[in-house]
N, C-alpha and C. Protein backbone atom coordinates (compact mmCIF):
# COMPACT_ATOMS: atom_id res chain seq x y z
N MET A 1 31.96 203.15 64.49
CA MET A 1 30.57 203.13 64.10
C MET A 1 30.08 201.68 64.13
N SER A 2 28.88 201.46 64.64
CA SER A 2 28.39 200.09 64.78
C SER A 2 27.93 199.52 63.43
N PHE A 3 27.88 198.22 63.39
CA PHE A 3 27.46 197.50 62.19
C PHE A 3 26.04 197.88 61.80
N TRP A 4 25.14 197.93 62.77
CA TRP A 4 23.73 198.23 62.50
C TRP A 4 23.57 199.67 62.01
N LYS A 5 24.35 200.57 62.53
CA LYS A 5 24.29 201.97 62.08
C LYS A 5 24.75 202.07 60.62
N LEU A 6 25.79 201.32 60.28
CA LEU A 6 26.26 201.32 58.90
C LEU A 6 25.20 200.75 57.95
N LEU A 7 24.51 199.68 58.38
CA LEU A 7 23.46 199.12 57.54
C LEU A 7 22.33 200.13 57.33
N LYS A 8 21.94 200.80 58.40
CA LYS A 8 20.88 201.80 58.31
C LYS A 8 21.31 202.98 57.44
N ASP A 9 22.56 203.43 57.62
CA ASP A 9 23.08 204.51 56.78
C ASP A 9 23.12 204.09 55.31
N GLY A 10 23.48 202.84 55.06
CA GLY A 10 23.52 202.34 53.68
C GLY A 10 22.15 202.33 53.04
N GLN A 11 21.13 201.91 53.79
CA GLN A 11 19.77 201.93 53.26
C GLN A 11 19.32 203.36 52.99
N HIS A 12 19.63 204.26 53.91
CA HIS A 12 19.24 205.66 53.73
C HIS A 12 19.98 206.26 52.53
N TYR A 13 21.25 205.96 52.40
CA TYR A 13 22.06 206.47 51.28
C TYR A 13 21.51 205.97 49.95
N ALA A 14 21.05 204.73 49.93
CA ALA A 14 20.48 204.18 48.70
C ALA A 14 19.22 204.94 48.29
N HIS A 15 18.46 205.42 49.27
CA HIS A 15 17.25 206.19 48.95
C HIS A 15 17.57 207.63 48.59
N VAL A 16 18.64 208.17 49.16
CA VAL A 16 19.00 209.57 48.92
C VAL A 16 19.68 209.75 47.57
N TRP A 17 20.52 208.80 47.17
CA TRP A 17 21.34 208.97 45.97
C TRP A 17 20.44 209.12 44.74
N PRO A 18 20.67 210.17 43.93
CA PRO A 18 19.80 210.41 42.77
C PRO A 18 20.07 209.40 41.65
N ARG A 19 19.02 209.11 40.93
CA ARG A 19 19.13 208.27 39.74
C ARG A 19 19.02 209.21 38.54
N HIS A 20 20.17 209.63 38.05
CA HIS A 20 20.20 210.65 36.99
C HIS A 20 21.48 210.45 36.16
N ALA A 21 21.45 210.93 34.94
CA ALA A 21 22.60 210.80 34.04
C ALA A 21 23.82 211.56 34.54
N VAL A 22 23.61 212.58 35.37
CA VAL A 22 24.72 213.38 35.89
C VAL A 22 25.67 212.51 36.71
N VAL A 23 25.15 211.53 37.41
CA VAL A 23 25.97 210.68 38.29
C VAL A 23 26.13 209.26 37.73
N ALA A 24 25.88 209.09 36.43
CA ALA A 24 25.91 207.76 35.82
C ALA A 24 27.28 207.09 35.91
N ALA A 25 28.35 207.84 35.95
CA ALA A 25 29.69 207.25 35.97
C ALA A 25 30.13 206.84 37.37
N MET A 26 29.38 207.21 38.39
CA MET A 26 29.79 206.91 39.76
C MET A 26 29.38 205.48 40.14
N THR A 27 30.13 204.89 41.03
CA THR A 27 29.93 203.51 41.43
C THR A 27 28.55 203.27 42.02
N GLU A 28 28.03 204.23 42.77
CA GLU A 28 26.73 204.07 43.41
C GLU A 28 25.62 203.79 42.40
N THR A 29 25.75 204.31 41.20
CA THR A 29 24.74 204.13 40.17
C THR A 29 24.60 202.66 39.79
N ARG A 30 25.66 201.88 39.92
CA ARG A 30 25.60 200.45 39.64
C ARG A 30 25.32 199.64 40.89
N VAL A 31 25.84 200.07 42.03
CA VAL A 31 25.71 199.29 43.26
C VAL A 31 24.30 199.34 43.82
N ILE A 32 23.68 200.50 43.84
CA ILE A 32 22.36 200.65 44.46
C ILE A 32 21.30 199.77 43.78
N PRO A 33 21.21 199.74 42.43
CA PRO A 33 20.23 198.82 41.83
C PRO A 33 20.55 197.35 42.11
N ALA A 34 21.83 197.01 42.18
CA ALA A 34 22.20 195.62 42.47
C ALA A 34 21.79 195.24 43.89
N VAL A 35 21.97 196.14 44.84
CA VAL A 35 21.58 195.87 46.22
C VAL A 35 20.05 195.78 46.33
N ALA A 36 19.35 196.65 45.61
CA ALA A 36 17.88 196.60 45.62
C ALA A 36 17.39 195.28 45.03
N PHE A 37 18.03 194.82 43.96
CA PHE A 37 17.68 193.53 43.38
C PHE A 37 17.95 192.40 44.37
N ALA A 38 19.10 192.45 45.02
CA ALA A 38 19.45 191.41 45.99
C ALA A 38 18.48 191.40 47.17
N ALA A 39 18.09 192.57 47.65
CA ALA A 39 17.17 192.65 48.78
C ALA A 39 15.81 192.07 48.41
N ARG A 40 15.42 192.23 47.17
CA ARG A 40 14.11 191.73 46.75
C ARG A 40 14.11 190.24 46.44
N TRP A 41 15.15 189.76 45.77
CA TRP A 41 15.12 188.40 45.23
C TRP A 41 15.97 187.37 45.96
N MET A 42 16.97 187.77 46.72
CA MET A 42 17.84 186.78 47.35
C MET A 42 17.13 185.90 48.39
N PRO A 43 16.18 186.39 49.17
CA PRO A 43 15.48 185.46 50.07
C PRO A 43 14.77 184.34 49.30
N VAL A 44 14.15 184.67 48.19
CA VAL A 44 13.46 183.67 47.37
C VAL A 44 14.47 182.70 46.78
N ILE A 45 15.55 183.24 46.25
CA ILE A 45 16.58 182.39 45.64
C ILE A 45 17.23 181.49 46.70
N ALA A 46 17.44 182.00 47.90
CA ALA A 46 18.04 181.20 48.97
C ALA A 46 17.14 180.03 49.36
N VAL A 47 15.85 180.28 49.46
CA VAL A 47 14.91 179.20 49.80
C VAL A 47 14.85 178.17 48.68
N LEU A 48 14.78 178.65 47.43
CA LEU A 48 14.78 177.72 46.29
C LEU A 48 16.07 176.90 46.23
N ASN A 49 17.19 177.57 46.49
CA ASN A 49 18.47 176.89 46.52
C ASN A 49 18.47 175.75 47.54
N LEU A 50 18.01 176.05 48.73
CA LEU A 50 17.97 175.04 49.79
C LEU A 50 17.02 173.90 49.42
N ALA A 51 15.84 174.23 48.92
CA ALA A 51 14.85 173.21 48.58
C ALA A 51 15.33 172.30 47.46
N VAL A 52 15.90 172.90 46.42
CA VAL A 52 16.36 172.09 45.28
C VAL A 52 17.53 171.20 45.69
N GLN A 53 18.49 171.75 46.41
CA GLN A 53 19.63 170.92 46.82
C GLN A 53 19.20 169.81 47.77
N TRP A 54 18.28 170.11 48.64
CA TRP A 54 17.80 169.09 49.58
C TRP A 54 17.03 167.99 48.84
N GLN A 55 16.22 168.39 47.85
CA GLN A 55 15.44 167.42 47.10
C GLN A 55 16.34 166.54 46.23
N TRP A 56 17.32 167.11 45.57
CA TRP A 56 18.16 166.34 44.66
C TRP A 56 19.25 165.55 45.38
N GLN A 57 19.81 166.12 46.45
CA GLN A 57 20.95 165.47 47.06
C GLN A 57 20.65 164.90 48.45
N GLY A 58 19.47 165.11 48.95
CA GLY A 58 19.10 164.58 50.25
C GLY A 58 19.84 165.29 51.38
N THR A 59 19.94 164.62 52.49
CA THR A 59 20.57 165.22 53.67
C THR A 59 22.09 165.16 53.62
N VAL A 60 22.65 164.48 52.63
CA VAL A 60 24.10 164.36 52.53
C VAL A 60 24.76 165.73 52.35
N MET A 61 24.17 166.56 51.51
CA MET A 61 24.75 167.87 51.21
C MET A 61 24.01 169.01 51.90
N LEU A 62 23.22 168.70 52.92
CA LEU A 62 22.44 169.73 53.60
C LEU A 62 23.30 170.83 54.23
N PRO A 63 24.42 170.50 54.89
CA PRO A 63 25.25 171.60 55.44
C PRO A 63 25.75 172.57 54.37
N GLN A 64 26.19 172.05 53.24
CA GLN A 64 26.65 172.92 52.16
C GLN A 64 25.51 173.74 51.58
N ALA A 65 24.33 173.15 51.49
CA ALA A 65 23.17 173.88 50.98
C ALA A 65 22.78 175.00 51.94
N LEU A 66 22.86 174.73 53.24
CA LEU A 66 22.55 175.76 54.24
C LEU A 66 23.54 176.92 54.16
N VAL A 67 24.81 176.60 54.04
CA VAL A 67 25.83 177.64 53.96
C VAL A 67 25.65 178.47 52.69
N THR A 68 25.36 177.83 51.59
CA THR A 68 25.14 178.55 50.33
C THR A 68 23.93 179.48 50.46
N SER A 69 22.85 178.98 51.06
CA SER A 69 21.65 179.80 51.23
C SER A 69 21.91 180.97 52.18
N LEU A 70 22.67 180.73 53.24
CA LEU A 70 23.01 181.83 54.15
C LEU A 70 23.86 182.89 53.46
N PHE A 71 24.77 182.43 52.61
CA PHE A 71 25.56 183.39 51.84
C PHE A 71 24.67 184.24 50.94
N LEU A 72 23.73 183.59 50.25
CA LEU A 72 22.81 184.34 49.39
C LEU A 72 21.99 185.34 50.18
N LEU A 73 21.58 184.95 51.39
CA LEU A 73 20.82 185.86 52.24
C LEU A 73 21.67 187.04 52.72
N SER A 74 22.98 186.85 52.81
CA SER A 74 23.85 187.91 53.31
C SER A 74 24.18 188.97 52.25
N LEU A 75 23.93 188.70 50.98
CA LEU A 75 24.32 189.63 49.92
C LEU A 75 23.71 191.03 50.06
N PRO A 76 22.41 191.17 50.35
CA PRO A 76 21.90 192.54 50.53
C PRO A 76 22.57 193.25 51.70
N PHE A 77 22.87 192.53 52.77
CA PHE A 77 23.52 193.15 53.93
C PHE A 77 24.93 193.60 53.60
N GLN A 78 25.62 192.82 52.76
CA GLN A 78 26.94 193.24 52.34
C GLN A 78 26.87 194.54 51.51
N GLY A 79 25.86 194.63 50.65
CA GLY A 79 25.68 195.85 49.86
C GLY A 79 25.34 197.05 50.72
N TRP A 80 24.43 196.88 51.68
CA TRP A 80 24.07 197.99 52.56
C TRP A 80 25.25 198.40 53.42
N PHE A 81 26.06 197.41 53.85
CA PHE A 81 27.25 197.73 54.63
C PHE A 81 28.21 198.57 53.81
N TRP A 82 28.45 198.16 52.54
CA TRP A 82 29.34 198.94 51.68
C TRP A 82 28.80 200.33 51.46
N LEU A 83 27.50 200.44 51.20
CA LEU A 83 26.90 201.76 50.99
C LEU A 83 26.99 202.61 52.25
N GLY A 84 26.83 202.00 53.42
CA GLY A 84 26.96 202.74 54.68
C GLY A 84 28.37 203.28 54.87
N ARG A 85 29.35 202.45 54.56
CA ARG A 85 30.74 202.92 54.66
C ARG A 85 31.01 204.03 53.65
N ARG A 86 30.48 203.86 52.47
CA ARG A 86 30.68 204.86 51.41
C ARG A 86 29.99 206.18 51.80
N ALA A 87 28.79 206.10 52.36
CA ALA A 87 28.04 207.29 52.75
C ALA A 87 28.79 208.11 53.78
N ASN A 88 29.55 207.46 54.64
CA ASN A 88 30.27 208.15 55.71
C ASN A 88 31.72 208.47 55.35
N THR A 89 32.12 208.21 54.11
CA THR A 89 33.47 208.52 53.65
C THR A 89 33.55 209.98 53.22
N LYS A 90 34.61 210.64 53.62
CA LYS A 90 34.80 212.04 53.23
C LYS A 90 35.12 212.12 51.73
N LEU A 91 34.68 213.19 51.13
CA LEU A 91 34.88 213.39 49.69
C LEU A 91 36.34 213.70 49.36
N ASP A 92 36.79 213.27 48.19
CA ASP A 92 38.12 213.66 47.74
C ASP A 92 38.05 215.10 47.23
N ALA A 93 39.17 215.65 46.84
CA ALA A 93 39.26 217.08 46.49
C ALA A 93 38.35 217.44 45.31
N ARG A 94 38.31 216.59 44.29
CA ARG A 94 37.52 216.89 43.10
C ARG A 94 36.03 216.92 43.42
N LEU A 95 35.56 215.90 44.15
CA LEU A 95 34.15 215.85 44.52
C LEU A 95 33.80 216.93 45.56
N LYS A 96 34.75 217.25 46.42
CA LYS A 96 34.52 218.31 47.41
C LYS A 96 34.32 219.65 46.70
N HIS A 97 35.09 219.88 45.64
CA HIS A 97 34.94 221.10 44.86
C HIS A 97 33.55 221.14 44.20
N TRP A 98 33.12 220.01 43.65
CA TRP A 98 31.79 219.93 43.02
C TRP A 98 30.70 220.18 44.07
N TYR A 99 30.88 219.59 45.25
CA TYR A 99 29.92 219.79 46.35
C TYR A 99 29.82 221.26 46.72
N SER A 100 30.96 221.93 46.92
CA SER A 100 30.92 223.33 47.32
C SER A 100 30.39 224.22 46.20
N ASP A 101 30.66 223.86 44.94
CA ASP A 101 30.12 224.60 43.81
C ASP A 101 28.58 224.50 43.79
N LEU A 102 28.06 223.30 44.00
CA LEU A 102 26.60 223.12 44.04
C LEU A 102 25.99 223.85 45.22
N ALA A 103 26.68 223.81 46.37
CA ALA A 103 26.17 224.51 47.57
C ALA A 103 26.09 226.01 47.32
N SER A 104 27.09 226.56 46.65
CA SER A 104 27.05 228.00 46.38
C SER A 104 25.94 228.35 45.38
N LYS A 105 25.72 227.50 44.39
CA LYS A 105 24.66 227.75 43.42
C LYS A 105 23.28 227.65 44.07
N LEU A 106 23.15 226.74 45.04
CA LEU A 106 21.87 226.58 45.74
C LEU A 106 21.73 227.55 46.91
N LYS A 107 22.80 228.29 47.19
CA LYS A 107 22.83 229.21 48.33
C LYS A 107 22.54 228.48 49.64
N VAL A 108 23.27 227.38 49.82
CA VAL A 108 23.17 226.54 51.02
C VAL A 108 24.51 226.58 51.72
N GLN A 109 24.49 226.59 53.04
CA GLN A 109 25.74 226.54 53.81
C GLN A 109 26.38 225.16 53.66
N PRO A 110 27.58 225.06 53.06
CA PRO A 110 28.21 223.74 52.89
C PRO A 110 28.72 223.19 54.21
N HIS A 111 28.72 221.88 54.30
CA HIS A 111 29.27 221.19 55.46
C HIS A 111 30.79 221.31 55.41
N PRO A 112 31.46 221.53 56.56
CA PRO A 112 32.92 221.72 56.53
C PRO A 112 33.69 220.46 56.09
N GLN A 113 33.20 219.28 56.45
CA GLN A 113 33.83 218.02 56.05
C GLN A 113 32.78 217.17 55.33
N PRO A 114 32.47 217.46 54.07
CA PRO A 114 31.38 216.75 53.41
C PRO A 114 31.70 215.28 53.14
N THR A 115 30.66 214.47 53.23
CA THR A 115 30.76 213.04 52.93
C THR A 115 29.94 212.75 51.68
N TYR A 116 29.96 211.51 51.26
CA TYR A 116 29.17 211.13 50.10
C TYR A 116 27.68 211.30 50.37
N MET A 117 27.24 211.13 51.62
CA MET A 117 25.84 211.36 51.96
C MET A 117 25.47 212.82 51.74
N HIS A 118 26.35 213.74 52.15
CA HIS A 118 26.10 215.15 51.92
C HIS A 118 26.03 215.44 50.41
N LEU A 119 26.94 214.83 49.66
CA LEU A 119 26.93 215.03 48.21
C LEU A 119 25.64 214.51 47.61
N GLY A 120 25.18 213.34 48.03
CA GLY A 120 23.93 212.79 47.51
C GLY A 120 22.74 213.69 47.79
N LYS A 121 22.70 214.24 49.00
CA LYS A 121 21.58 215.12 49.36
C LYS A 121 21.59 216.40 48.54
N ILE A 122 22.78 216.99 48.39
CA ILE A 122 22.84 218.25 47.64
C ILE A 122 22.64 218.01 46.14
N LEU A 123 23.08 216.87 45.64
CA LEU A 123 22.83 216.53 44.24
C LEU A 123 21.34 216.37 43.97
N ARG A 124 20.66 215.69 44.87
CA ARG A 124 19.21 215.50 44.72
C ARG A 124 18.51 216.86 44.68
N LYS A 125 18.92 217.75 45.59
CA LYS A 125 18.32 219.08 45.64
C LYS A 125 18.66 219.87 44.37
N ALA A 126 19.91 219.78 43.91
CA ALA A 126 20.33 220.51 42.72
C ALA A 126 19.59 220.01 41.48
N LEU A 127 19.40 218.72 41.37
CA LEU A 127 18.69 218.18 40.21
C LEU A 127 17.23 218.61 40.19
N LYS A 128 16.68 218.84 41.38
CA LYS A 128 15.29 219.26 41.46
C LYS A 128 15.14 220.77 41.20
N GLU A 129 16.10 221.59 41.68
CA GLU A 129 15.93 223.04 41.67
C GLU A 129 16.69 223.77 40.57
N LEU A 130 17.87 223.30 40.21
CA LEU A 130 18.70 224.03 39.25
C LEU A 130 18.37 223.64 37.81
N PRO A 131 18.59 224.54 36.87
CA PRO A 131 18.45 224.17 35.46
C PRO A 131 19.52 223.14 35.05
N PRO A 132 19.25 222.34 34.03
CA PRO A 132 20.18 221.26 33.67
C PRO A 132 21.61 221.68 33.37
N ASP A 133 21.84 222.87 32.89
CA ASP A 133 23.21 223.28 32.53
C ASP A 133 24.03 223.71 33.74
N GLU A 134 23.45 223.74 34.95
CA GLU A 134 24.18 224.18 36.13
C GLU A 134 24.48 223.08 37.13
N HIS A 135 24.33 221.83 36.76
CA HIS A 135 24.60 220.73 37.70
C HIS A 135 26.06 220.56 37.85
């Protein structure tokens, strides 16, 4: 799978994954807000980082300031890459059972090899359609 496809999948997965107490213990619940924060604020922080280091230290430390700013700019891409890989990862047995249980309750044909993206989509649908005691 290409790098750009993983980034796009990661962005899509971040939008699909539900923000609900049912999934509060899962890693995505912490990673997605962090990536959204990084996507919004890291460009500003990178520019400020470069400007402040250049103003205080002059051109002597400019290469290090550039590298630091580039690293800060790369943080959202690293998050989207991780989310893209996670979205395309097949579910383990416990989550696969939860996925098929939700699919049967929603009367939806389950995917034969479900991934985290499939789980996110069916969770979103279940949270919208099913009563709270059946999630």
